[in-house]
C-alpha atoms as a PDB file:
ATOM      1  CA  MET A   1     104.604 215.700 -56.755  1.00  0.00           C
ATOM      2  CA  LYS A   2     102.955 212.255 -56.903  1.00  0.00           C
ATOM      3  CA  LYS A   3     103.869 209.643 -54.294  1.00  0.00           C
ATOM      4  CA  ASN A   4     105.273 207.140 -56.818  1.00  0.00           C
ATOM      5  CA  GLN A   5     107.449 209.909 -58.338  1.00  0.00           C
ATOM      6  CA  GLN A   6     108.800 210.796 -54.881  1.00  0.00           C
ATOM      7  CA  SER A   7     109.512 207.135 -54.222  1.00  0.00           C
ATOM      8  CA  SER A   8     111.330 206.806 -57.555  1.00  0.00           C
ATOM      9  CA  ILE A   9     113.487 209.889 -56.855  1.00  0.00           C
ATOM     10  CA  ALA A  10     114.268 208.607 -53.346  1.00  0.00           C
ATOM     11  CA  ASP A  11     115.301 205.207 -54.744  1.00  0.00           C
ATOM     12  CA  GLU A  12     117.488 206.838 -57.392  1.00  0.00           C
ATOM     13  CA  LEU A  13     119.148 209.056 -54.778  1.00  0.00           C
ATOM     14  CA  LYS A  14     119.759 206.034 -52.561  1.00  0.00           C
ATOM     15  CA  LYS A  15     121.370 204.223 -55.504  1.00  0.00           C
ATOM     16  CA  VAL A  16     123.676 207.177 -56.279  1.00  0.00           C
ATOM     17  CA  VAL A  17     124.655 207.515 -52.600  1.00  0.00           C
ATOM     18  CA  SER A  18     125.375 203.772 -52.443  1.00  0.00           C
ATOM     19  CA  GLU A  19     127.631 204.022 -55.518  1.00  0.00           C
ATOM     20  CA  VAL A  20     129.510 206.994 -54.037  1.00  0.00           C
ATOM     21  CA  GLU A  21     129.831 205.132 -50.735  1.00  0.00           C
ATOM     22  CA  GLU A  22     131.335 202.072 -52.434  1.00  0.00           C
ATOM     23  CA  SER A  23     133.659 204.200 -54.572  1.00  0.00           C
ATOM     24  CA  THR A  24     134.858 206.156 -51.525  1.00  0.00           C
ATOM     25  CA  LYS A  25     135.501 202.959 -49.570  1.00  0.00           C
ATOM     26  CA  GLU A  26     137.479 201.458 -52.459  1.00  0.00           C
ATOM     27  CA  THR A  27     139.601 204.621 -52.565  1.00  0.00           C
ATOM     28  CA  LEU A  28     140.058 204.458 -48.798  1.00  0.00           C
ATOM     29  CA  VAL A  29     141.299 200.874 -48.993  1.00  0.00           C
ATOM     30  CA  GLU A  30     143.861 201.869 -51.628  1.00  0.00           C
ATOM     31  CA  VAL A  31     145.014 204.909 -49.619  1.00  0.00           C
ATOM     32  CA  VAL A  32     145.308 202.980 -46.351  1.00  0.00           C
ATOM     33  CA  GLU A  33     147.046 200.032 -48.010  1.00  0.00           C
ATOM     34  CA  THR A  34     149.627 202.048 -49.981  1.00  0.00           C
ATOM     35  CA  GLU A  35     150.116 205.229 -47.952  1.00  0.00           C
ATOM     36  CA  VAL A  36     149.510 204.084 -44.382  1.00  0.00           C
ATOM     37  CA  LEU A  37     149.836 200.322 -43.997  1.00  0.00           C
ATOM     38  CA  ASP A  38     152.627 199.584 -46.498  1.00  0.00           C
ATOM     39  CA  ASN A  39     154.687 202.499 -45.148  1.00  0.00           C
ATOM     40  CA  HIS A  40     154.121 201.284 -41.592  1.00  0.00           C
ATOM     41  CA  ILE A  41     155.164 197.707 -42.401  1.00  0.00           C
ATOM     42  CA  SER A  42     158.224 198.955 -44.334  1.00  0.00           C
ATOM     43  CA  GLN A  43     159.275 201.086 -41.365  1.00  0.00           C
ATOM     44  CA  ILE A  44     158.915 198.136 -39.023  1.00  0.00           C
ATOM     45  CA  LEU A  45     160.886 195.738 -41.242  1.00  0.00           C
ATOM     46  CA  GLU A  46     163.656 198.347 -41.597  1.00  0.00           C
ATOM     47  CA  LEU A  47     163.586 198.977 -37.847  1.00  0.00           C
ATOM     48  CA  ARG A  48     164.206 195.293 -37.102  1.00  0.00           C
ATOM     49  CA  GLN A  49     167.412 195.441 -39.155  1.00  0.00           C
ATOM     50  CA  ARG A  50     168.757 198.691 -37.686  1.00  0.00           C
ATOM     51  CA  PHE A  51     167.974 198.345 -33.977  1.00  0.00           C
ATOM     52  CA  PRO A  52     168.079 195.622 -31.304  1.00  0.00           C
ATOM     53  CA  VAL A  53     164.311 195.172 -30.896  1.00  0.00           C
ATOM     54  CA  ASP A  54     161.968 192.222 -30.535  1.00  0.00           C
ATOM     55  CA  ASN A  55     159.066 191.958 -32.966  1.00  0.00           C
ATOM     56  CA  CYS A  56     156.464 192.786 -30.307  1.00  0.00           C
ATOM     57  CA  GLU A  57     158.400 195.856 -29.155  1.00  0.00           C
ATOM     58  CA  ILE A  58     157.804 197.591 -32.474  1.00  0.00           C
ATOM     59  CA  LEU A  59     154.018 197.419 -32.334  1.00  0.00           C
ATOM     60  CA  SER A  60     152.491 200.886 -32.117  1.00  0.00           C
ATOM     61  CA  SER A  61     151.062 200.238 -28.626  1.00  0.00           C
ATOM     62  CA  ASN A  62     154.456 199.037 -27.269  1.00  0.00           C
ATOM     63  CA  ILE A  63     156.930 201.240 -29.128  1.00  0.00           C
ATOM     64  CA  SER A  64     157.093 203.961 -26.442  1.00  0.00           C
ATOM     65  CA  LEU A  65     158.481 201.454 -23.924  1.00  0.00           C
ATOM     66  CA  ASN A  66     161.584 200.704 -25.990  1.00  0.00           C
ATOM     67  CA  ARG A  67     164.647 202.638 -24.838  1.00  0.00           C
ATOM     68  CA  ASN A  68     166.838 201.646 -27.774  1.00  0.00           C
ATOM     69  CA  LEU A  69     164.951 203.667 -30.362  1.00  0.00           C
ATOM     70  CA  PRO A  70     165.289 207.362 -31.225  1.00  0.00           C
ATOM     71  CA  ARG A  71     162.360 209.556 -30.244  1.00  0.00           C
ATOM     72  CA  GLU A  72     161.411 210.425 -33.825  1.00  0.00           C
ATOM     73  CA  VAL A  73     161.277 206.731 -34.763  1.00  0.00           C
ATOM     74  CA  LYS A  74     158.939 206.026 -31.833  1.00  0.00           C
ATOM     75  CA  GLN A  75     156.688 208.893 -32.900  1.00  0.00           C
ATOM     76  CA  GLN A  76     156.498 207.597 -36.474  1.00  0.00           C
ATOM     77  CA  ILE A  77     155.464 204.097 -35.392  1.00  0.00           C
ATOM     78  CA  SER A  78     153.092 205.203 -32.622  1.00  0.00           C
ATOM     79  CA  SER A  79     151.304 207.595 -35.016  1.00  0.00           C
ATOM     80  CA  PHE A  80     150.012 204.659 -37.108  1.00  0.00           C
ATOM     81  CA  GLN A  81     146.607 204.480 -35.405  1.00  0.00           C
ATOM     82  CA  HIS A  82     146.205 208.275 -35.499  1.00  0.00           C
ATOM     83  CA  LYS A  83     146.826 208.230 -39.268  1.00  0.00           C
ATOM     84  CA  LEU A  84     144.389 205.360 -39.703  1.00  0.00           C
ATOM     85  CA  ARG A  85     141.698 207.144 -37.682  1.00  0.00           C
ATOM     86  CA  ALA A  86     142.222 210.366 -39.675  1.00  0.00           C
ATOM     87  CA  VAL A  87     141.788 208.555 -43.019  1.00  0.00           C
ATOM     88  CA  ILE A  88     138.686 206.669 -41.834  1.00  0.00           C
ATOM     89  CA  GLU A  89     136.989 209.752 -40.397  1.00  0.00           C
ATOM     90  CA  ARG A  90     137.822 211.762 -43.501  1.00  0.00           C
ATOM     91  CA  GLY A  91     136.273 209.059 -45.695  1.00  0.00           C
ATOM     92  CA  ALA A  92     133.140 208.887 -43.528  1.00  0.00           C
ATOM     93  CA  LEU A  93     132.840 212.685 -43.696  1.00  0.00           C
ATOM     94  CA  GLU A  94     133.058 212.662 -47.513  1.00  0.00           C
ATOM     95  CA  ILE A  95     130.357 209.995 -47.756  1.00  0.00           C
ATOM     96  CA  GLU A  96     127.987 211.858 -45.440  1.00  0.00           C
ATOM     97  CA  ASN A  97     128.761 215.261 -47.034  1.00  0.00           C
ATOM     98  CA  PHE A  98     127.636 213.877 -50.390  1.00  0.00           C
ATOM     99  CA  LYS A  99     124.580 212.240 -48.834  1.00  0.00           C
ATOM    100  CA  TYR A 100     123.456 215.434 -47.077  1.00  0.00           C
ATOM    101  CA  LYS A 101     124.361 217.879 -49.825  1.00  0.00           C
ATOM    102  CA  SER A 102     120.947 217.688 -51.520  1.00  0.00           C
ATOM    103  CA  TYR A 103     119.148 218.037 -48.162  1.00  0.00           C
ATOM    104  CA  GLU A 104     121.204 221.100 -47.225  1.00  0.00           C
ATOM    105  CA  GLU A 105     120.620 222.699 -50.635  1.00  0.00           C
ATOM    106  CA  ALA A 106     116.872 222.008 -50.421  1.00  0.00           C
ATOM    107  CA  LEU A 107     116.747 223.548 -46.946  1.00  0.00           C
ATOM    108  CA  GLU A 108     118.450 226.720 -48.216  1.00  0.00           C
ATOM    109  CA  GLN A 109     115.755 227.116 -50.880  1.00  0.00           C
ATOM    110  CA  GLU A 110     112.872 226.698 -48.415  1.00  0.00           C
ATOM    111  CA  ASN A 111     110.976 229.876 -47.545  1.00  0.00           C
ATOM    112  CA  LEU A 112     111.288 229.601 -43.759  1.00  0.00           C
ATOM    113  CA  ALA A 113     111.133 232.033 -40.866  1.00  0.00           C
ATOM    114  CA  TYR A 114     114.384 232.661 -38.989  1.00  0.00           C
ATOM    115  CA  ASN A 115     113.504 230.413 -36.023  1.00  0.00           C
ATOM    116  CA  GLU A 116     112.210 227.625 -38.283  1.00  0.00           C
ATOM    117  CA  ARG A 117     115.369 227.704 -40.399  1.00  0.00           C
ATOM    118  CA  SER A 118     117.557 227.733 -37.283  1.00  0.00           C
ATOM    119  CA  GLN A 119     115.827 224.662 -35.815  1.00  0.00           C
ATOM    120  CA  ALA A 120     115.801 222.806 -39.141  1.00  0.00           C
ATOM    121  CA  THR A 121     119.510 223.545 -39.685  1.00  0.00           C
ATOM    122  CA  SER A 122     120.375 222.405 -36.131  1.00  0.00           C
ATOM    123  CA  LEU A 123     118.404 219.186 -36.564  1.00  0.00           C
ATOM    124  CA  LEU A 124     120.020 218.433 -39.920  1.00  0.00           C
ATOM    125  CA  LYS A 125     123.480 219.112 -38.460  1.00  0.00           C
ATOM    126  CA  ALA A 126     122.816 216.840 -35.463  1.00  0.00           C
ATOM    127  CA  ASP A 127     121.500 214.075 -37.733  1.00  0.00           C
ATOM    128  CA  LYS A 128     124.552 214.413 -39.982  1.00  0.00           C
ATOM    129  CA  ASN A 129     126.947 214.169 -37.029  1.00  0.00           C
ATOM    130  CA  ILE A 130     125.155 211.048 -35.800  1.00  0.00           C
ATOM    131  CA  ASN A 131     125.536 209.415 -39.209  1.00  0.00           C
ATOM    132  CA  ILE A 132     129.193 210.464 -39.580  1.00  0.00           C
ATOM    133  CA  SER A 133     129.949 208.709 -36.259  1.00  0.00           C
ATOM    134  CA  PHE A 134     128.188 205.546 -37.360  1.00  0.00           C
ATOM    135  CA  GLN A 135     129.678 205.650 -40.858  1.00  0.00           C
ATOM    136  CA  SER A 136     133.188 205.908 -39.343  1.00  0.00           C
ATOM    137  CA  LEU A 137     132.671 202.703 -37.376  1.00  0.00           C
ATOM    138  CA  LYS A 138     131.210 200.968 -40.431  1.00  0.00           C
ATOM    139  CA  VAL A 139     134.142 202.051 -42.620  1.00  0.00           C
ATOM    140  CA  ALA A 140     136.709 200.954 -39.981  1.00  0.00           C
ATOM    141  CA  THR A 141     135.178 197.460 -39.747  1.00  0.00           C
ATOM    142  CA  GLU A 142     134.924 196.964 -43.518  1.00  0.00           C
ATOM    143  CA  LEU A 143     138.461 198.286 -43.982  1.00  0.00           C
ATOM    144  CA  PHE A 144     139.781 195.737 -41.487  1.00  0.00           C
ATOM    145  CA  LEU A 145     138.179 192.843 -43.380  1.00  0.00           C
ATOM    146  CA  GLU A 146     139.266 194.026 -46.855  1.00  0.00           C
ATOM    147  CA  LEU A 147     142.914 194.671 -45.910  1.00  0.00           C
ATOM    148  CA  ASN A 148     143.248 191.330 -44.171  1.00  0.00           C
ATOM    149  CA  LYS A 149     141.783 189.619 -47.258  1.00  0.00           C
ATOM    150  CA  ARG A 150     144.296 191.384 -49.540  1.00  0.00           C
ATOM    151  CA  ILE A 151     147.359 190.435 -47.529  1.00  0.00           C
ATOM    152  CA  GLN A 152     146.165 186.809 -47.315  1.00  0.00           C
ATOM    153  CA  GLU A 153     145.991 186.768 -51.115  1.00  0.00           C
ATOM    154  CA  LYS A 154     149.596 188.058 -51.289  1.00  0.00           C
ATOM    155  CA  ILE A 155     150.738 185.260 -48.950  1.00  0.00           C
ATOM    156  CA  GLU A 156     149.007 182.662 -51.132  1.00  0.00           C
ATOM    157  CA  ASP A 157     150.798 184.078 -54.205  1.00  0.00           C
ATOM    158  CA  CYS A 158     154.156 183.757 -52.425  1.00  0.00           C
ATOM    159  CA  GLN A 159     153.403 180.141 -51.512  1.00  0.00           C
ATOM    160  CA  GLN A 160     152.656 179.347 -55.145  1.00  0.00           C
ATOM    161  CA  ASN A 161     155.849 181.094 -56.291  1.00  0.00           C
ATOM    162  CA  GLN A 162     157.841 179.375 -53.507  1.00  0.00           C
ATOM    163  CA  ASN A 163     159.362 182.657 -52.345  1.00  0.00           C
ATOM    164  CA  ALA A 164     160.071 181.677 -48.716  1.00  0.00           C
ATOM    165  CA  ARG A 165     161.755 184.943 -47.696  1.00  0.00           C
ATOM    166  CA  LEU A 166     158.932 187.141 -49.013  1.00  0.00           C
ATOM    167  CA  GLU A 167     156.360 184.752 -47.568  1.00  0.00           C
ATOM    168  CA  ARG A 168     157.963 185.054 -44.116  1.00  0.00           C
ATOM    169  CA  ASP A 169     157.929 188.854 -44.328  1.00  0.00           C
ATOM    170  CA  LEU A 170     154.299 188.813 -45.441  1.00  0.00           C
ATOM    171  CA  LEU A 171     153.338 186.450 -42.618  1.00  0.00           C
ATOM    172  CA  LEU A 172     154.895 188.918 -40.205  1.00  0.00           C
ATOM    173  CA  ALA A 173     153.163 191.798 -41.998  1.00  0.00           C
ATOM    174  CA  ASN A 174     149.843 189.918 -41.772  1.00  0.00           C
ATOM    175  CA  ALA A 175     150.274 189.302 -38.035  1.00  0.00           C
ATOM    176  CA  ILE A 176     151.205 192.963 -37.481  1.00  0.00           C
ATOM    177  CA  LEU A 177     148.225 194.076 -39.586  1.00  0.00           C
ATOM    178  CA  VAL A 178     145.804 191.900 -37.611  1.00  0.00           C
ATOM    179  CA  TYR A 179     147.277 193.114 -34.322  1.00  0.00           C
ATOM    180  CA  GLU A 180     147.254 196.805 -35.248  1.00  0.00           C
ATOM    181  CA  LEU A 181     143.782 196.819 -36.806  1.00  0.00           C
ATOM    182  CA  SER A 182     142.279 194.741 -33.965  1.00  0.00           C
ATOM    183  CA  ASP A 183     143.862 197.063 -31.426  1.00  0.00           C
ATOM    184  CA  PHE A 184     142.628 200.055 -33.420  1.00  0.00           C
ATOM    185  CA  LEU A 185     139.062 198.707 -33.545  1.00  0.00           C
ATOM    186  CA  ILE A 186     139.109 197.977 -29.800  1.00  0.00           C
ATOM    187  CA  ASN A 187     140.217 201.547 -29.045  1.00  0.00           C
ATOM    188  CA  TYR A 188     137.751 202.912 -31.607  1.00  0.00           C
ATOM    189  CA  LEU A 189     134.832 200.954 -30.150  1.00  0.00           C
ATOM    190  CA  ASN A 190     135.739 201.895 -26.582  1.00  0.00           C
ATOM    191  CA  SER A 191     135.620 205.588 -27.510  1.00  0.00           C
ATOM    192  CA  SER A 192     132.776 205.232 -29.999  1.00  0.00           C
ATOM    193  CA  LYS A 193     129.598 207.220 -29.477  1.00  0.00           C
ATOM    194  CA  LEU A 194     127.057 208.904 -31.702  1.00  0.00           C
ATOM    195  CA  ASP A 195     127.997 212.587 -31.922  1.00  0.00           C
ATOM    196  CA  GLY A 196     124.984 214.823 -32.345  1.00  0.00           C
ATOM    197  CA  ILE A 197     122.693 212.891 -29.984  1.00  0.00           C
ATOM    198  CA  GLU A 198     122.554 215.692 -27.422  1.00  0.00           C
ATOM    199  CA  GLY A 199     121.884 218.283 -30.135  1.00  0.00           C
ATOM    200  CA  MET A 200     119.057 216.161 -31.498  1.00  0.00           C
ATOM    201  CA  LYS A 201     117.544 215.596 -28.023  1.00  0.00           C
ATOM    202  CA  GLU A 202     117.678 219.304 -27.256  1.00  0.00           C
ATOM    203  CA  ILE A 203     115.683 220.042 -30.426  1.00  0.00           C
ATOM    204  CA  GLN A 204     113.271 217.236 -29.567  1.00  0.00           C
ATOM    205  CA  ARG A 205     112.675 218.645 -26.070  1.00  0.00           C
ATOM    206  CA  HIS A 206     111.971 222.050 -27.604  1.00  0.00           C
ATOM    207  CA  ILE A 207     109.542 220.583 -30.172  1.00  0.00           C
ATOM    208  CA  ASN A 208     107.756 218.441 -27.549  1.00  0.00           C
ATOM    209  CA  HIS A 209     107.345 221.489 -25.331  1.00  0.00           C
ATOM    210  CA  LYS A 210     105.778 223.444 -28.223  1.00  0.00           C
ATOM    211  CA  LEU A 211     103.501 220.502 -29.138  1.00  0.00           C
ATOM    212  CA  SER A 212     102.308 220.154 -25.553  1.00  0.00           C
ATOM    213  CA  LYS A 213     101.498 223.874 -25.429  1.00  0.00           C
ATOM    214  CA  LEU A 214      99.622 223.569 -28.730  1.00  0.00           C
ATOM    215  CA  GLU A 215      97.649 220.558 -27.464  1.00  0.00           C
ATOM    216  CA  ASN A 216      96.652 222.417 -24.318  1.00  0.00           C
ATOM    217  CA  LYS A 217      95.601 225.379 -26.426  1.00  0.00           C
ATOM    218  CA  GLN A 218      93.436 223.153 -28.636  1.00  0.00           C
ATOM    219  CA  GLN A 219      91.750 221.623 -25.597  1.00  0.00           C
ATOM    220  CA  GLN A 220      90.977 225.089 -24.252  1.00  0.00           C
ATOM    221  CA  LEU A 221      89.609 226.154 -27.658  1.00  0.00           C
ATOM    222  CA  ARG A 222      87.441 223.030 -27.792  1.00  0.00           C
ATOM    223  CA  LYS A 223      85.943 223.799 -24.383  1.00  0.00           C
ATOM    224  CA  ARG A 224      85.153 227.323 -25.504  1.00  0.00           C
ATOM    225  CA  ALA A 225      83.649 226.111 -28.808  1.00  0.00           C
ATOM    226  CA  GLU A 226      81.486 223.565 -27.003  1.00  0.00           C
ATOM    227  CA  SER A 227      80.265 226.023 -24.362  1.00  0.00           C
ATOM    228  CA  PRO A 228      76.601 227.124 -24.448  1.00  0.00           C
ATOM    229  CA  GLU A 229      77.739 230.662 -25.069  1.00  0.00           C
ATOM    230  CA  ILE A 230      78.583 229.776 -28.697  1.00  0.00           C
ATOM    231  CA  ASP A 231      75.197 229.521 -30.393  1.00  0.00           C
ATOM    232  CA  ASP A 232      76.399 229.770 -34.007  1.00  0.00           C
ATOM    233  CA  GLU A 233      76.490 226.107 -35.042  1.00  0.00           C
ATOM    234  CA  GLY A 234      78.370 226.884 -38.248  1.00  0.00           C
ATOM    235  CA  VAL A 235      81.247 228.589 -36.416  1.00  0.00           C
ATOM    236  CA  LYS A 236      81.237 225.918 -33.698  1.00  0.00           C
ATOM    237  CA  SER A 237      81.475 222.994 -36.134  1.00  0.00           C
ATOM    238  CA  GLN A 238      84.168 224.714 -38.221  1.00  0.00           C
ATOM    239  CA  VAL A 239      86.324 225.507 -35.153  1.00  0.00           C
ATOM    240  CA  LEU A 240      85.899 221.965 -33.799  1.00  0.00           C
ATOM    241  CA  LEU A 241      86.893 220.570 -37.212  1.00  0.00           C
ATOM    242  CA  ASP A 242      89.965 222.832 -37.311  1.00  0.00           C
ATOM    243  CA  ILE A 243      90.921 221.729 -33.779  1.00  0.00           C
ATOM    244  CA  SER A 244      90.607 218.035 -34.738  1.00  0.00           C
ATOM    245  CA  ARG A 245      92.797 218.550 -37.793  1.00  0.00           C
ATOM    246  CA  ARG A 246      95.442 220.394 -35.765  1.00  0.00           C
ATOM    247  CA  LEU A 247      95.445 217.648 -33.128  1.00  0.00           C
ATOM    248  CA  GLU A 248      95.874 215.077 -35.915  1.00  0.00           C
ATOM    249  CA  SER A 249      98.803 217.101 -37.263  1.00  0.00           C
ATOM    250  CA  ILE A 250     100.363 217.177 -33.789  1.00  0.00           C
ATOM    251  CA  GLN A 251     100.024 213.391 -33.559  1.00  0.00           C
ATOM    252  CA  GLU A 252     101.624 213.022 -36.995  1.00  0.00           C
ATOM    253  CA  VAL A 253     104.599 215.114 -35.840  1.00  0.00           C
ATOM    254  CA  ARG A 254     104.889 212.953 -32.703  1.00  0.00           C
ATOM    255  CA  LYS A 255     104.771 209.793 -34.837  1.00  0.00           C
ATOM    256  CA  GLU A 256     107.565 211.144 -37.051  1.00  0.00           C
ATOM    257  CA  TRP A 257     109.678 211.855 -33.993  1.00  0.00           C
ATOM    258  CA  ASP A 258     108.951 208.365 -32.651  1.00  0.00           C
ATOM    259  CA  LYS A 259     110.117 206.832 -35.954  1.00  0.00           C
ATOM    260  CA  TYR A 260     113.202 209.044 -35.975  1.00  0.00           C
ATOM    261  CA  GLU A 261     113.985 208.125 -32.357  1.00  0.00           C
ATOM    262  CA  ALA A 262     113.604 204.449 -33.227  1.00  0.00           C
ATOM    263  CA  SER A 263     116.121 204.787 -36.076  1.00  0.00           C
ATOM    264  CA  ILE A 264     118.632 206.515 -33.759  1.00  0.00           C
ATOM    265  CA  GLU A 265     118.057 203.838 -31.123  1.00  0.00           C
ATOM    266  CA  GLU A 266     118.759 201.222 -33.788  1.00  0.00           C
ATOM    267  CA  LEU A 267     122.119 202.879 -34.504  1.00  0.00           C
ATOM    268  CA  GLU A 268     122.925 203.002 -30.777  1.00  0.00           C
ATOM    269  CA  ASN A 269     122.017 199.314 -30.469  1.00  0.00           C
ATOM    270  CA  SER A 270     124.311 198.538 -33.403  1.00  0.00           C
ATOM    271  CA  ILE A 271     127.199 200.254 -31.615  1.00  0.00           C
ATOM    272  CA  SER A 272     126.355 198.394 -28.378  1.00  0.00           C
ATOM    273  CA  THR A 273     126.310 195.119 -30.316  1.00  0.00           C
ATOM    274  CA  SER A 274     129.654 196.008 -31.898  1.00  0.00           C
ATOM    275  CA  LYS A 275     131.119 196.754 -28.472  1.00  0.00           C
ATOM    276  CA  LYS A 276     130.205 193.221 -27.398  1.00  0.00           C
ATOM    277  CA  GLN A 277     132.789 192.080 -29.966  1.00  0.00           C
ATOM    278  CA  ILE A 278     135.633 193.737 -28.019  1.00  0.00           C
ATOM    279  CA  PRO A 279     136.563 190.513 -26.115  1.00  0.00           C
ATOM    280  CA  THR A 280     136.672 188.655 -29.463  1.00  0.00           C
ATOM    281  CA  LEU A 281     138.799 191.402 -31.011  1.00  0.00           C
ATOM    282  CA  ALA A 282     141.111 191.313 -27.969  1.00  0.00           C
ATOM    283  CA  LEU A 283     141.523 187.553 -28.446  1.00  0.00           C
ATOM    284  CA  ILE A 284     142.301 188.073 -32.167  1.00  0.00           C
ATOM    285  CA  ARG A 285     144.805 190.831 -31.292  1.00  0.00           C
ATOM    286  CA  ASP A 286     146.576 188.762 -28.601  1.00  0.00           C
ATOM    287  CA  ASN A 287     146.638 185.717 -30.876  1.00  0.00           C
ATOM    288  CA  ALA A 288     148.334 187.883 -33.536  1.00  0.00           C
ATOM    289  CA  GLU A 289     150.879 189.023 -30.940  1.00  0.00           C
ATOM    290  CA  SER A 290     151.727 185.377 -30.205  1.00  0.00           C
ATOM    291  CA  GLN A 291     152.058 184.798 -33.941  1.00  0.00           C
ATOM    292  CA  ILE A 292     154.515 187.705 -34.150  1.00  0.00           C
ATOM    293  CA  GLU A 293     156.556 186.214 -31.290  1.00  0.00           C
ATOM    294  CA  ILE A 294     156.651 182.742 -32.832  1.00  0.00           C
ATOM    295  CA  LEU A 295     157.643 184.183 -36.224  1.00  0.00           C
ATOM    296  CA  GLU A 296     160.626 185.824 -34.540  1.00  0.00           C
ATOM    297  CA  ILE A 297     161.644 182.491 -32.977  1.00  0.00           C
ATOM    298  CA  ALA A 298     161.038 180.733 -36.294  1.00  0.00           C
ATOM    299  CA  ALA A 299     163.353 183.236 -38.016  1.00  0.00           C
ATOM    300  CA  ILE A 300     166.072 182.573 -35.410  1.00  0.00           C
ATOM    301  CA  MET A 301     165.584 178.808 -35.808  1.00  0.00           C
ATOM    302  CA  GLN A 302     165.885 179.214 -39.577  1.00  0.00           C
ATOM    303  CA  ILE A 303     169.231 180.983 -39.125  1.00  0.00           C
ATOM    304  CA  ILE A 304     170.422 178.226 -36.750  1.00  0.00           C
ATOM    305  CA  LYS A 305     169.232 175.590 -39.204  1.00  0.00           C
ATOM    306  CA  ASN A 306     171.107 177.318 -42.031  1.00  0.00           C
ATOM    307  CA  ASN A 307     174.244 177.426 -39.871  1.00  0.00           C
ATOM    308  CA  VAL A 308     173.895 173.744 -38.971  1.00  0.00           C
ATOM    309  CA  ASN A 309     173.476 172.879 -42.651  1.00  0.00           C
ATOM    310  CA  ALA A 310     176.535 174.939 -43.514  1.00  0.00           C
ATOM    311  CA  LEU A 311     178.530 173.254 -40.749  1.00  0.00           C
ATOM    312  CA  ASP A 312     177.376 169.825 -41.876  1.00  0.00           C
ATOM    313  CA  SER A 313     178.450 170.670 -45.424  1.00  0.00           C
ATOM    314  CA  ALA A 314     181.848 171.826 -44.154  1.00  0.00           C
ATOM    315  CA  ILE A 315     182.306 168.573 -42.209  1.00  0.00           C
ATOM    316  CA  GLN A 316     181.449 166.576 -45.319  1.00  0.00           C
ATOM    317  CA  ASN A 317     184.093 168.546 -47.235  1.00  0.00           C
ATOM    318  CA  LEU A 318     186.649 168.016 -44.486  1.00  0.00           C
ATOM    319  CA  LYS A 319     186.189 164.305 -44.848  1.00  0.00           C
ATOM    320  CA  GLN A 320     187.589 164.634 -48.363  1.00  0.00           C
ATOM    321  CA  VAL A 321     190.756 166.305 -47.101  1.00  0.00           C
ATOM    322  CA  LYS A 322     193.791 164.083 -46.625  1.00  0.00           C
ATOM    323  CA  LEU A 323     196.121 165.049 -43.839  1.00  0.00           C
ATOM    324  CA  VAL A 324     199.769 164.764 -44.814  1.00  0.00           C
ATOM    325  CA  SER A 325     201.731 162.817 -42.164  1.00  0.00           C
ATOM    326  CA  LEU A 326     204.643 164.517 -40.481  1.00  0.00           C
ATOM    327  CA  THR A 327     207.559 162.034 -40.352  1.00  0.00           C
ATOM    328  CA  PRO A 328     210.689 162.787 -38.272  1.00  0.00           C
ATOM    329  CA  ASP A 329     212.614 163.470 -41.518  1.00  0.00           C
ATOM    330  CA  ARG A 330     209.976 165.978 -42.696  1.00  0.00           C
ATOM    331  CA  ILE A 331     210.008 167.722 -39.294  1.00  0.00           C
ATOM    332  CA  SER A 332     213.797 168.020 -39.470  1.00  0.00           C
ATOM    333  CA  ARG A 333     213.614 169.498 -42.963  1.00  0.00           C
ATOM    334  CA  LEU A 334     210.864 171.938 -42.077  1.00  0.00           C
ATOM    335  CA  LEU A 335     212.712 173.173 -39.030  1.00  0.00           C
ATOM    336  CA  SER A 336     216.053 173.295 -40.835  1.00  0.00           C
ATOM    337  CA  LEU A 337     217.431 170.724 -38.464  1.00  0.00           C
ATOM    338  CA  SER A 338     219.068 168.660 -41.150  1.00  0.00           C
ATOM    339  CA  SER A 339     222.857 168.510 -41.332  1.00  0.00           C
ATOM    340  CA  ASN A 340     222.667 170.212 -44.711  1.00  0.00           C
END
């Protein structure tokens, strides 16, 4: 196959994978928003009405400390991050399964010896696991941004429609969302690593060992070919040419491994860079927690304000009431004290 044809096929495959990736992420956002996040927020809003809890006590990281809640309720709320992780990892797996499907099918059709197939399959599996790990982190970060954007749009709609009650609930939902997703990303980053690295390095050690043995063998062959004992110049030159070509092939394999290692190192550096964002995420999370606390106080102040307004209205009405005077005659009549 010509080089430009291979390049065209590779570009087309990359385009298809990109489309599938975007489609999967869009589906993930919908699933998380409707089946995970909305359910979680609904449970929390209902919980605040049924039980004596502060807003911050119903966050998934704090819920276990509350003694006023039934065990099953605590389990439902605390499972939020587990559900979120499951959806994200499932989405990342689907993306990478599609991406690697053609490679796996091509490998099955290759006419390889048992050991070659075993090593190729192990390498492909390790590479896939590495990319699933990275894809999960990528999906989690993009999901965070998209969901926050959507709930901000809902709040803006409420402001335009002047629906104060719904706006207040959405502000609380937004603060809870930012807290939960920030906390999730912090936990995710802290535990994040590229699965498959050890498998890949084990294969690399095995390949390097074989290449070193081959190089040594070529050097020994070269010495023998260049020895005075070999007087057939045709055989000597052919063997030396074959040795040079094999050594070039060995160097090409090493270069490929170097490039592959560099790409893996780039992924590891990306994760390290992401982990440097943990203090920023912690600040965002704790700021959201303060927002949740102030929203609770604001809700209480709103109730007090409503009561004050109601009381003020009652006082204004009382001013319209005329008190009937009780004269001695009226008192006598009311108490049946009259001579009649």
